[in-house]
Protein backbone atom coordinates (compact mmCIF):
# COMPACT_ATOMS: atom_id res chain seq x y z
CA MET A 1 17.64 17.24 -38.19
CA ASP A 2 20.46 16.12 -35.87
CA THR A 3 19.65 16.38 -32.16
CA LYS A 4 20.95 19.51 -30.46
CA TYR A 5 21.88 19.40 -26.78
CA ILE A 6 21.49 22.00 -24.03
CA PHE A 7 23.41 21.02 -20.87
CA VAL A 8 22.37 22.65 -17.58
CA THR A 9 24.86 22.60 -14.71
CA GLY A 10 24.78 24.17 -11.25
CA GLY A 11 27.36 26.03 -9.22
CA VAL A 12 28.02 27.40 -5.71
CA LEU A 13 25.44 25.24 -3.93
CA SER A 14 22.65 22.73 -4.59
CA SER A 15 18.87 23.35 -4.77
CA LEU A 16 19.28 26.47 -6.91
CA GLY A 17 16.54 25.40 -9.30
CA LYS A 18 18.31 23.57 -12.12
CA GLY A 19 15.22 21.40 -12.55
CA ILE A 20 12.90 24.40 -12.87
CA THR A 21 15.40 26.12 -15.19
CA SER A 22 15.62 23.03 -17.41
CA SER A 23 11.83 22.58 -17.39
CA SER A 24 11.26 26.25 -18.23
CA ILE A 25 13.67 26.25 -21.17
CA ALA A 26 12.19 23.01 -22.52
CA THR A 27 8.67 24.44 -22.09
CA LEU A 28 9.51 27.56 -24.11
CA LEU A 29 11.04 25.44 -26.87
CA LYS A 30 8.10 23.03 -26.91
CA HIS A 31 5.62 25.93 -27.14
CA SER A 32 7.70 27.16 -30.07
CA GLY A 33 6.98 23.98 -32.01
CA PHE A 34 10.20 22.00 -31.45
CA ARG A 35 10.27 18.28 -30.64
CA VAL A 36 11.84 18.55 -27.20
CA GLY A 37 13.21 15.90 -24.85
CA ILE A 38 14.63 16.28 -21.36
CA LEU A 39 17.01 14.18 -19.26
CA LYS A 40 18.11 14.23 -15.61
CA ILE A 41 21.53 12.77 -14.75
CA ASP A 42 22.09 12.01 -11.06
CA PRO A 43 25.71 11.53 -9.93
CA TYR A 44 24.82 9.61 -6.77
CA ILE A 45 25.78 5.92 -6.73
CA ASN A 46 22.32 4.62 -5.80
CA VAL A 47 20.81 2.75 -8.74
CA ASP A 48 17.61 4.81 -8.30
CA PRO A 49 15.94 6.77 -5.47
CA GLY A 50 13.48 3.94 -4.74
CA THR A 51 15.23 2.87 -1.53
CA MET A 52 16.12 6.40 -0.39
CA SER A 53 14.31 8.05 2.51
CA PRO A 54 11.81 10.74 1.46
CA LEU A 55 13.15 12.78 4.38
CA GLU A 56 16.57 12.88 2.69
CA HIS A 57 15.80 12.83 -1.00
CA GLY A 58 12.20 14.01 -1.25
CA GLU A 59 9.56 12.31 -3.32
CA VAL A 60 10.20 9.33 -5.58
CA PHE A 61 8.47 10.08 -8.88
CA VAL A 62 7.09 7.09 -10.80
CA THR A 63 6.93 7.14 -14.61
CA HIS A 64 4.30 5.36 -16.70
CA ASP A 65 6.72 2.48 -17.41
CA GLY A 66 7.33 1.88 -13.71
CA ALA A 67 10.68 3.59 -13.23
CA GLU A 68 11.36 5.10 -9.80
CA THR A 69 13.03 8.39 -10.65
CA ASP A 70 14.21 11.70 -9.27
CA LEU A 71 11.50 14.22 -8.37
CA ASP A 72 12.74 16.53 -11.16
CA ILE A 73 11.18 14.14 -13.69
CA GLY A 74 7.90 15.17 -12.09
CA HIS A 75 8.70 18.81 -12.83
CA TYR A 76 9.48 17.90 -16.43
CA GLU A 77 6.13 16.14 -16.91
CA ARG A 78 4.16 18.88 -15.14
CA PHE A 79 5.73 21.67 -17.21
CA LEU A 80 5.85 19.94 -20.58
CA ASN A 81 2.57 17.99 -20.31
CA MET A 82 4.40 14.90 -21.59
CA ASN A 83 5.03 11.36 -20.35
CA PHE A 84 8.66 10.49 -19.72
CA SER A 85 10.23 7.12 -19.01
CA SER A 86 13.24 5.35 -17.52
CA LYS A 87 15.26 6.74 -20.47
CA ASN A 88 14.86 10.26 -19.02
CA ASN A 89 16.75 9.68 -15.75
CA PHE A 90 19.89 7.73 -14.98
CA THR A 91 22.39 7.58 -12.15
CA THR A 92 26.06 6.78 -11.57
CA GLY A 93 24.88 3.48 -10.08
CA GLN A 94 23.13 2.49 -13.32
CA VAL A 95 26.12 3.50 -15.43
CA TYR A 96 28.64 1.50 -13.39
CA GLN A 97 26.24 -1.44 -13.19
CA SER A 98 25.95 -1.53 -17.00
CA VAL A 99 29.71 -1.31 -17.52
CA ILE A 100 30.46 -3.99 -14.91
CA ASP A 101 27.80 -6.33 -16.36
CA LYS A 102 29.29 -5.90 -19.83
CA GLU A 103 32.81 -6.53 -18.50
CA ARG A 104 31.68 -9.71 -16.69
CA LYS A 105 30.26 -11.02 -19.97
CA GLY A 106 33.52 -10.36 -21.80
CA GLY A 107 32.15 -7.39 -23.73
CA TYR A 108 35.40 -5.44 -23.49
CA LEU A 109 37.56 -8.32 -24.76
CA GLY A 110 39.83 -8.37 -21.71
CA LYS A 111 40.71 -4.67 -21.70
CA THR A 112 41.33 -2.71 -18.51
CA ILE A 113 38.06 -0.91 -17.63
CA GLN A 114 38.56 2.79 -16.85
CA VAL A 115 36.47 5.87 -16.13
CA VAL A 116 37.80 7.28 -19.42
CA PRO A 117 36.77 5.98 -21.88
CA HIS A 118 34.41 3.23 -20.69
CA ILE A 119 32.30 4.99 -18.02
CA VAL A 120 32.20 8.21 -20.03
CA ASP A 121 31.23 6.34 -23.20
CA GLU A 122 28.31 4.69 -21.37
CA ILE A 123 27.17 8.12 -20.15
CA LYS A 124 27.30 9.49 -23.70
CA ARG A 125 25.41 6.46 -25.02
CA ARG A 126 22.59 7.05 -22.56
CA ILE A 127 22.43 10.77 -23.34
CA LYS A 128 22.18 10.07 -27.07
CA LEU A 129 19.51 7.43 -26.42
CA ALA A 130 17.37 10.01 -24.58
CA GLY A 131 17.79 12.41 -27.53
CA GLU A 132 16.61 9.99 -30.22
CA ASP A 133 13.86 11.46 -32.44
CA LYS A 134 14.16 14.84 -30.68
CA GLU A 135 15.24 18.11 -32.24
CA ILE A 136 16.50 19.44 -28.89
CA LEU A 137 17.42 17.57 -25.71
CA VAL A 138 17.78 19.50 -22.45
CA VAL A 139 20.16 17.65 -20.10
CA GLU A 140 20.25 18.55 -16.40
CA LEU A 141 23.29 17.43 -14.40
CA GLY A 142 22.48 16.95 -10.71
CA GLY A 143 24.76 18.17 -7.96
CA THR A 144 27.20 21.04 -8.09
CA VAL A 145 30.28 21.74 -10.20
CA GLY A 146 33.29 20.62 -8.16
CA ASP A 147 31.60 17.49 -6.77
CA ILE A 148 33.97 14.59 -7.36
CA GLU A 149 31.14 12.25 -8.41
CA GLY A 150 30.07 14.65 -11.18
CA LEU A 151 33.41 14.68 -13.01
CA PRO A 152 32.71 11.77 -15.42
CA PHE A 153 29.48 13.49 -16.50
CA LEU A 154 31.24 16.79 -17.11
CA GLU A 155 33.84 14.93 -19.15
CA ALA A 156 31.02 13.41 -21.22
CA MET A 157 29.68 16.93 -21.83
CA ARG A 158 33.11 18.15 -22.90
CA GLU A 159 33.60 15.22 -25.28
CA MET A 160 30.15 15.64 -26.83
CA LYS A 161 30.87 19.31 -27.51
CA HIS A 162 34.16 18.30 -29.12
CA GLU A 163 32.36 15.58 -31.12
CA PHE A 164 29.36 17.59 -32.34
CA GLY A 165 30.57 21.20 -32.24
CA MET A 166 29.07 24.39 -30.75
CA GLU A 167 26.14 24.42 -33.16
CA ARG A 168 24.79 21.26 -31.53
CA VAL A 169 26.00 21.47 -27.93
CA ILE A 170 25.75 24.44 -25.56
CA SER A 171 26.15 24.81 -21.80
CA ILE A 172 23.97 26.82 -19.41
CA HIS A 173 25.29 27.35 -15.88
CA VAL A 174 22.86 28.08 -13.02
CA THR A 175 24.58 29.87 -10.19
CA LEU A 176 23.91 31.93 -7.08
CA ILE A 177 24.31 35.69 -6.74
CA PRO A 178 24.13 35.97 -2.93
CA LEU A 179 22.76 39.05 -1.20
CA ILE A 180 24.91 40.18 1.73
CA ARG A 181 22.21 41.81 3.81
CA ALA A 182 24.54 43.68 6.19
CA ALA A 183 26.03 45.52 3.21
CA GLY A 184 22.92 45.38 1.03
CA GLU A 185 25.06 44.14 -1.86
CA LEU A 186 24.79 41.36 -4.44
CA LYS A 187 28.09 39.50 -4.85
CA THR A 188 29.40 37.96 -8.09
CA LYS A 189 32.57 36.31 -6.79
CA PRO A 190 31.02 32.86 -6.10
CA THR A 191 29.74 32.77 -9.68
CA GLN A 192 33.15 33.75 -11.05
CA HIS A 193 34.82 30.93 -9.11
CA SER A 194 32.18 28.42 -10.22
CA VAL A 195 32.66 29.33 -13.88
CA GLN A 196 36.44 29.15 -13.46
CA GLU A 197 36.05 25.59 -12.12
CA LEU A 198 34.02 24.64 -15.19
CA ARG A 199 36.57 26.19 -17.54
CA ARG A 200 39.39 24.40 -15.72
CA ILE A 201 37.93 21.07 -16.83
CA GLY A 202 37.36 22.24 -20.39
CA ILE A 203 33.76 23.56 -20.38
CA THR A 204 32.96 27.19 -21.09
CA PRO A 205 29.28 27.99 -20.44
CA GLN A 206 27.63 30.14 -23.10
CA ILE A 207 24.78 31.33 -20.83
CA ILE A 208 24.70 32.19 -17.10
CA VAL A 209 21.40 31.89 -15.23
CA ALA A 210 21.86 34.01 -12.11
CA ARG A 211 19.65 32.99 -9.19
CA THR A 212 18.97 35.97 -6.94
CA GLU A 213 16.70 37.28 -4.20
CA LYS A 214 16.45 40.75 -5.72
CA GLU A 215 16.73 42.30 -9.16
CA ILE A 216 20.23 42.36 -10.64
CA PRO A 217 21.11 45.85 -12.00
CA GLN A 218 22.51 46.13 -15.53
CA ASP A 219 25.99 47.13 -14.35
CA LEU A 220 26.23 43.89 -12.35
CA LYS A 221 25.09 41.92 -15.41
CA ASN A 222 27.83 43.62 -17.41
CA LYS A 223 30.37 42.67 -14.72
CA LEU A 224 29.25 39.03 -14.88
CA SER A 225 29.44 39.11 -18.66
CA LEU A 226 33.05 40.29 -18.62
CA SER A 227 34.29 38.17 -15.72
CA CYS A 228 32.62 34.95 -16.95
CA ASP A 229 33.44 35.57 -20.64
CA VAL A 230 29.86 35.40 -21.92
CA ASP A 231 28.01 37.73 -24.31
CA SER A 232 26.17 40.65 -22.74
CA ASP A 233 22.74 39.14 -23.52
CA CYS A 234 23.73 35.82 -21.99
CA VAL A 235 23.41 36.78 -18.34
CA ILE A 236 19.83 35.77 -17.47
CA MET A 237 18.35 36.83 -14.16
CA ALA A 238 16.34 34.20 -12.24
CA GLU A 239 14.81 36.24 -9.45
CA ASP A 240 12.80 34.48 -6.72
CA ALA A 241 9.20 34.08 -7.89
CA LYS A 242 5.91 33.46 -6.08
CA SER A 243 5.24 30.47 -8.33
CA ILE A 244 7.61 28.17 -10.19
CA TYR A 245 5.25 28.38 -13.16
CA GLN A 246 6.22 32.03 -13.62
CA MET A 247 9.74 31.04 -14.59
CA PRO A 248 9.16 30.26 -18.31
CA LEU A 249 7.49 33.67 -18.65
CA ASN A 250 10.28 35.38 -16.68
CA PHE A 251 12.97 33.72 -18.81
CA LEU A 252 11.10 34.77 -21.94
CA LYS A 253 11.14 38.41 -20.74
CA GLU A 254 14.83 38.10 -19.90
CA GLY A 255 15.47 37.03 -23.51
CA ILE A 256 16.96 33.59 -22.88
CA LEU A 257 15.76 32.30 -26.26
CA THR A 258 17.86 34.85 -28.19
CA PRO A 259 21.30 33.38 -27.33
CA ILE A 260 19.93 29.82 -27.50
CA LYS A 261 18.69 30.48 -31.04
CA ARG A 262 21.99 32.13 -31.99
CA PHE A 263 24.31 29.44 -30.62
CA LEU A 264 22.30 26.47 -31.89
CA LYS A 265 21.60 28.11 -35.28
CA LEU A 266 17.85 27.61 -34.91
CA PRO A 267 15.31 29.07 -37.35
CA GLU A 268 13.12 32.02 -36.29
CA PHE A 269 10.52 31.02 -33.72
CA LYS A 270 8.24 32.49 -31.07
CA PRO A 271 6.57 30.53 -28.25
CA ASP A 272 2.79 30.67 -27.79
CA MET A 273 2.40 31.13 -24.03
CA LYS A 274 -1.12 32.65 -23.90
CA GLU A 275 -2.81 29.75 -22.08
CA TRP A 276 0.18 29.37 -19.76
CA ASP A 277 0.05 33.08 -18.92
CA ILE A 278 -3.66 32.88 -18.02
CA LEU A 279 -3.09 29.92 -15.69
CA VAL A 280 -0.16 31.64 -13.97
CA LYS A 281 -2.29 34.74 -13.37
CA GLN A 282 -4.95 32.51 -11.81
CA ILE A 283 -2.31 31.04 -9.49
CA LEU A 284 -1.06 34.47 -8.44
CA ALA A 285 -4.40 36.33 -8.22
CA PRO A 286 -7.25 33.78 -7.94
CA GLN A 287 -10.89 34.84 -7.63
CA SER A 288 -11.67 32.56 -4.67
CA GLU A 289 -10.05 30.22 -2.16
CA VAL A 290 -10.66 26.91 -0.44
CA SER A 291 -9.04 25.16 2.55
CA ILE A 292 -7.87 21.54 2.38
CA ALA A 293 -6.60 19.56 5.38
CA PHE A 294 -3.51 17.62 4.31
CA VAL A 295 -3.07 14.84 6.88
CA GLY A 296 0.42 13.36 6.52
CA LYS A 297 3.50 12.27 8.45
CA TYR A 298 6.37 13.76 6.40
CA LEU A 299 5.41 17.38 7.09
CA THR A 300 8.92 18.37 8.23
CA LEU A 301 10.00 18.02 4.59
CA LYS A 302 7.16 18.76 2.20
CA GLU A 303 9.27 17.72 -0.81
CA SER A 304 8.08 14.22 0.13
CA TYR A 305 4.65 15.21 -1.23
CA LYS A 306 5.87 17.35 -4.13
CA SER A 307 3.66 15.94 -6.90
CA LEU A 308 0.53 16.09 -4.75
CA ILE A 309 1.16 19.68 -3.68
CA GLU A 310 1.68 20.67 -7.32
CA ALA A 311 -1.47 18.75 -8.36
CA LEU A 312 -3.50 20.85 -5.91
CA ILE A 313 -1.98 23.99 -7.43
CA HIS A 314 -2.89 22.76 -10.93
CA ALA A 315 -6.50 22.12 -9.89
CA GLY A 316 -6.72 25.51 -8.22
CA ALA A 317 -5.27 27.30 -11.23
CA ASN A 318 -7.77 25.69 -13.59
CA LEU A 319 -10.65 26.59 -11.22
CA ASP A 320 -9.34 30.13 -10.57
CA THR A 321 -9.14 29.24 -6.88
CA LYS A 322 -6.35 29.36 -4.34
CA VAL A 323 -5.98 26.03 -2.52
CA ASN A 324 -4.91 26.78 1.04
CA ILE A 325 -3.25 23.67 2.47
CA VAL A 326 -3.79 23.19 6.21
CA TRP A 327 -0.93 20.90 7.26
CA ILE A 328 -1.93 18.40 9.95
CA ASP A 329 0.68 16.06 11.39
CA SER A 330 -0.98 12.63 11.69
CA GLU A 331 1.22 11.68 14.66
CA GLU A 332 0.13 14.78 16.56
CA LEU A 333 -3.50 14.13 15.57
CA GLU A 334 -3.12 10.64 16.99
CA LYS A 335 -2.02 11.97 20.38
CA ASN A 336 -4.13 15.13 20.62
CA ASP A 337 -7.91 14.99 20.24
CA GLU A 338 -8.07 18.79 20.28
CA LEU A 339 -6.42 18.84 16.86
CA VAL A 340 -9.52 17.14 15.44
CA GLU A 341 -11.25 20.47 16.03
CA GLN A 342 -9.14 21.95 13.21
CA LEU A 343 -11.01 19.71 10.76
CA LYS A 344 -14.21 21.66 11.43
CA TYR A 345 -12.75 24.67 9.66
CA VAL A 346 -11.62 23.07 6.39
CA ASN A 347 -13.60 22.44 3.20
CA GLY A 348 -11.99 19.12 2.25
CA ILE A 349 -9.77 16.42 3.79
CA LEU A 350 -6.91 14.71 1.96
CA VAL A 351 -5.00 11.67 3.22
CA PRO A 352 -1.98 10.92 0.98
CA GLY A 353 0.07 7.79 0.40
CA GLY A 354 2.90 6.57 2.60
CA PHE A 355 4.59 3.56 4.14
CA GLY A 356 4.71 2.17 7.67
CA GLU A 357 2.55 2.23 10.80
CA ARG A 358 3.62 5.59 12.21
CA GLY A 359 0.78 8.12 12.33
CA ILE A 360 -1.87 5.65 11.09
CA LYS A 361 -4.37 6.21 13.92
CA GLY A 362 -4.24 9.96 13.35
CA LYS A 363 -5.03 9.51 9.67
CA MET A 364 -7.94 7.23 10.55
CA LYS A 365 -9.31 9.88 12.94
CA ALA A 366 -9.36 12.34 10.04
CA ILE A 367 -11.06 9.79 7.77
CA GLU A 368 -13.72 9.07 10.39
CA PHE A 369 -14.36 12.80 10.77
CA ALA A 370 -14.77 13.20 6.99
CA ARG A 371 -17.17 10.23 6.85
CA ILE A 372 -19.36 11.28 9.77
CA HIS A 373 -19.44 15.03 9.08
CA GLN A 374 -19.95 14.66 5.30
CA VAL A 375 -16.74 16.54 4.43
CA PRO A 376 -15.37 15.99 0.88
CA PHE A 377 -12.60 13.41 1.16
CA LEU A 378 -9.88 12.04 -1.08
CA GLY A 379 -7.68 9.14 0.09
CA ILE A 380 -4.69 8.20 -2.03
CA CYS A 381 -2.98 4.76 -1.91
CA LEU A 382 -2.50 4.22 1.85
CA GLY A 383 -5.26 6.82 2.28
CA MET A 384 -7.70 4.50 0.47
CA GLN A 385 -6.57 1.47 2.45
CA LEU A 386 -7.09 3.32 5.73
CA ALA A 387 -10.55 4.46 4.60
CA ILE A 388 -11.47 0.79 4.12
CA LEU A 389 -9.98 -0.15 7.52
CA GLU A 390 -11.84 2.66 9.27
CA PHE A 391 -15.10 1.57 7.63
CA CYS A 392 -14.54 -2.07 8.56
CA GLN A 393 -13.74 -1.26 12.19
CA ASN A 394 -16.36 1.42 12.87
CA VAL A 395 -19.23 0.57 10.51
CA LEU A 396 -18.96 -3.19 9.95
CA GLY A 397 -17.82 -3.78 13.53
CA ILE A 398 -14.77 -5.86 12.52
CA LYS A 399 -12.63 -4.57 15.37
CA GLU A 400 -9.60 -6.68 14.40
CA ALA A 401 -9.63 -5.42 10.80
CA ASN A 402 -6.05 -4.52 9.93
CA SER A 403 -3.38 -4.36 7.25
CA MET A 404 -0.70 -7.01 6.93
CA GLU A 405 1.71 -4.09 6.61
CA PHE A 406 1.06 -3.28 10.28
CA ASP A 407 0.35 -6.80 11.55
CA PRO A 408 1.48 -9.65 9.27
CA LYS A 409 -0.42 -12.17 11.44
CA THR A 410 -3.73 -10.29 11.64
CA LYS A 411 -6.86 -12.47 11.77
CA GLU A 412 -8.73 -9.98 9.55
CA PRO A 413 -6.35 -9.06 6.67
CA VAL A 414 -8.54 -6.41 5.06
CA ILE A 415 -5.36 -5.11 3.41
CA TYR A 416 -3.06 -7.91 2.33
CA LEU A 417 0.20 -8.58 0.51
CA ILE A 418 0.28 -10.41 -2.81
CA GLU A 419 3.38 -11.51 -4.69
CA ASN A 420 1.65 -12.14 -8.01
CA PHE A 421 -2.07 -12.06 -8.66
CA MET A 422 -3.44 -15.00 -10.65
CA ASP A 423 -6.85 -15.39 -12.28
CA GLN A 424 -9.02 -18.53 -11.93
CA ASN A 425 -7.07 -20.29 -14.67
CA GLY A 426 -3.73 -19.64 -13.01
CA LYS A 427 -2.74 -16.97 -15.52
CA GLU A 428 -0.70 -14.10 -14.12
CA GLN A 429 -2.66 -10.84 -14.08
CA ILE A 430 -0.62 -8.33 -12.09
CA ARG A 431 3.15 -8.50 -11.97
CA THR A 432 4.84 -7.03 -8.92
CA HIS A 433 8.44 -5.79 -9.01
CA LYS A 434 10.87 -7.50 -6.65
CA SER A 435 13.21 -5.00 -5.00
CA PRO A 436 16.80 -5.73 -3.91
CA MET A 437 15.63 -5.25 -0.31
CA GLY A 438 13.27 -8.21 -0.66
CA GLY A 439 9.97 -6.32 -0.88
CA THR A 440 7.60 -6.23 -3.80
CA MET A 441 6.14 -3.16 -5.47
CA ARG A 442 3.38 -2.60 -7.96
CA LEU A 443 4.88 0.13 -10.10
CA GLY A 444 3.86 2.15 -13.13
CA GLU A 445 0.69 2.62 -15.15
CA TYR A 446 -2.25 0.21 -14.92
CA GLU A 447 -5.75 0.27 -16.34
CA CYS A 448 -8.74 0.73 -14.06
CA ASN A 449 -12.38 -0.01 -14.93
CA THR A 450 -14.68 2.56 -13.36
CA LEU A 451 -18.20 1.70 -12.16
CA LYS A 452 -21.02 3.10 -14.30
CA ASP A 453 -22.64 6.24 -12.83
CA SER A 454 -20.22 6.25 -9.88
CA LYS A 455 -18.80 9.50 -8.52
CA LEU A 456 -15.38 8.26 -9.69
CA GLN A 457 -16.56 7.77 -13.26
CA LYS A 458 -18.25 11.18 -13.24
CA ALA A 459 -14.99 12.74 -12.02
CA TYR A 460 -13.26 11.17 -15.03
CA LYS A 461 -15.91 12.64 -17.35
CA GLY A 462 -17.68 9.35 -17.95
CA GLN A 463 -14.61 7.33 -18.93
CA ALA A 464 -15.22 3.61 -18.32
CA LEU A 465 -11.49 2.85 -18.58
CA ILE A 466 -8.80 5.07 -17.09
CA LYS A 467 -5.03 4.70 -16.68
CA GLU A 468 -3.18 5.80 -13.56
CA ARG A 469 0.17 5.08 -11.89
CA HIS A 470 0.90 2.92 -8.86
CA ARG A 471 3.61 2.64 -6.22
CA HIS A 472 2.60 0.32 -3.42
CA ARG A 473 3.05 -3.16 -1.91
CA TYR A 474 -0.31 -3.95 -0.34
CA GLU A 475 -3.80 -4.39 -1.82
CA ALA A 476 -7.37 -4.21 -0.55
CA ASN A 477 -8.57 -7.78 0.00
CA PRO A 478 -11.46 -8.64 -2.40
CA LYS A 479 -12.70 -11.13 0.22
CA TYR A 480 -14.38 -8.22 2.05
CA LYS A 481 -15.97 -6.68 -1.06
CA GLU A 482 -19.49 -8.07 -0.46
CA GLN A 483 -19.57 -6.92 3.18
CA LEU A 484 -18.38 -3.45 2.24
CA GLU A 485 -20.91 -2.99 -0.54
CA LYS A 486 -23.86 -4.27 1.54
CA ASN A 487 -23.13 -1.55 4.08
CA GLY A 488 -22.62 1.42 1.76
CA MET A 489 -18.97 1.39 0.62
CA ILE A 490 -19.03 0.95 -3.14
CA ILE A 491 -16.14 -0.60 -5.10
CA CYS A 492 -16.10 1.97 -7.91
CA GLY A 493 -12.82 1.01 -9.60
CA GLU A 494 -11.29 -2.41 -10.34
CA SER A 495 -8.33 -3.81 -12.24
CA LYS A 496 -8.34 -7.53 -13.08
CA GLY A 497 -10.00 -8.43 -9.79
CA LEU A 498 -8.08 -5.95 -7.64
CA ILE A 499 -9.85 -3.09 -5.84
CA GLU A 500 -8.65 0.20 -7.28
CA ALA A 501 -11.14 2.70 -5.86
CA VAL A 502 -13.95 2.98 -3.30
CA GLU A 503 -16.61 5.56 -2.52
CA LEU A 504 -19.39 5.99 0.04
CA LYS A 505 -22.96 5.71 -1.18
CA GLU A 506 -24.46 8.00 1.49
CA HIS A 507 -21.92 10.79 1.31
CA PRO A 508 -21.73 13.90 -0.92
CA TRP A 509 -18.19 13.04 -2.10
CA PHE A 510 -15.91 10.49 -0.41
CA ILE A 511 -13.45 8.66 -2.66
CA GLY A 512 -10.36 6.56 -2.04
CA VAL A 513 -8.05 5.46 -4.86
CA GLN A 514 -5.26 2.89 -4.74
CA PHE A 515 -3.32 4.66 -7.49
CA HIS A 516 -1.41 7.96 -7.32
CA PRO A 517 -3.38 10.48 -9.43
CA GLU A 518 -0.87 13.22 -8.62
CA PHE A 519 1.73 11.61 -10.90
CA THR A 520 -0.32 12.43 -14.01
CA SER A 521 -1.34 15.99 -13.08
CA ARG A 522 0.03 18.88 -15.16
CA LEU A 523 -0.55 22.63 -15.10
CA GLN A 524 -2.32 22.56 -18.47
CA ALA A 525 -4.02 19.19 -17.82
CA PRO A 526 -4.89 18.71 -14.12
CA ASN A 527 -5.71 15.21 -12.92
CA LEU A 528 -9.48 14.80 -13.11
CA VAL A 529 -10.17 13.14 -9.74
CA ILE A 530 -8.08 15.76 -7.90
CA LEU A 531 -9.78 18.51 -9.89
CA GLU A 532 -13.20 17.11 -8.90
CA PHE A 533 -12.11 16.88 -5.24
CA ILE A 534 -11.32 20.60 -5.24
CA LYS A 535 -14.60 21.37 -7.07
CA GLN A 536 -16.54 19.47 -4.41
CA SER A 537 -14.63 21.26 -1.64
CA ILE A 538 -15.51 24.62 -3.20
CA TYR A 539 -19.15 23.55 -3.37
CA ALA A 540 -19.07 22.40 0.27
CA LYS A 541 -17.69 25.79 1.29
CA LYS A 542 -20.53 27.58 -0.50
CA GLN A 543 -23.10 25.34 1.20
CA SER A 544 -21.70 25.89 4.69
């Protein structure tokens, strides 16, 4: 079966939910038995989001093969319960880089390199590569129709439709139906203009997904159908929902699969969404609740912690429990001792990953509180490193214990920087990725050996070997392992000599992990260590 393509574009303004729309459509098709792939195209010129500020771009999502990608790839994995790779996200920067490299090597035989055909051909090549071995590929184009940087991608869409025909290529346009509150009216004009812009460049969308604050009446749907030249069953309402995981179910009710099936000439099918429906109900109306202190420094823009927030929702859904996140700014905690009092009223404490020295002392205050007051604790990446530093300073009495990230000349480098880790025979064990900015990163999936009978191994249901994803520069120094273990901090996870996880012997549940478990959490398959953290927090609440 030749791959069929569903292109998803956005109009009027950004952040309308193209990623959720694409994920929802792909989820419905996957649950209908199709081999589905999904691709995010980003028109920005950055090669990838790895060097972009989380305050501007949100979270950088890391795939199993070590690609730093757009946060929408995280949505795709969480919805579809699948691993994606570097093939599932590319940018203008990557496209131009490939074309220029080929030109420098004489690959174009001296021809003048142009946007059409050379850039557009490279875009089409990458789209087709992502669709290999798939029956249907959903392709999300970032940005908004009318953006100058998106034009080569729209041209690639137009050419692919011309090349393959309507039975293999369709276009879905996500657009805003604004509510003018003073008049109490929903307005269709922005959508009409957005569709006109698409048609001006040769693309006529077959389906309109109308994002709205309130229900769209049938007469307004009919108006959109006529003005945008789409069939009457092709105007799909996307009303604001309490949970993003409602959207596949809402689209199913709206009948989005009917026109997709008709246009792509697909055989009869019906998605099995029973398990999904149960989990969504447990998100919306859980039987219990638990409070988790989330101690971070990017709280002004919570998109920076997108995967971790969603992982907590996944754990809660599978435990029929609402996870109430108590946001605590680590910089404020550092300056204000009274904020520590808030930690007395939560059932668990979470310290996430991050970079840089800002807010570190506040995070360590929270870690110390969790250790002393026996509160369930999970430290992720930097959170684990700070748990080790706090233990070294306050339990082992190594007052100068520090990270080389904060003090490169520290006399006690409990957390240190390694370029490449070698074993005793000089054989390379861990390869770090050199970035253009000069730093090194350990990226992607690595194996971790869990300690027998440890709390970590129990969380992973007895698995002696687990695989999780990394995104960090600094490592816990094995030189301090013996001192830590003699005083009650157990090294419960290792990878080729590197410390991957720690836990406290005399504590109900205190675990720090160097990896990012949130990157592998999905609604239908929550990450096991995060799930256990929430279980332990629920238990702590019952005991209090």
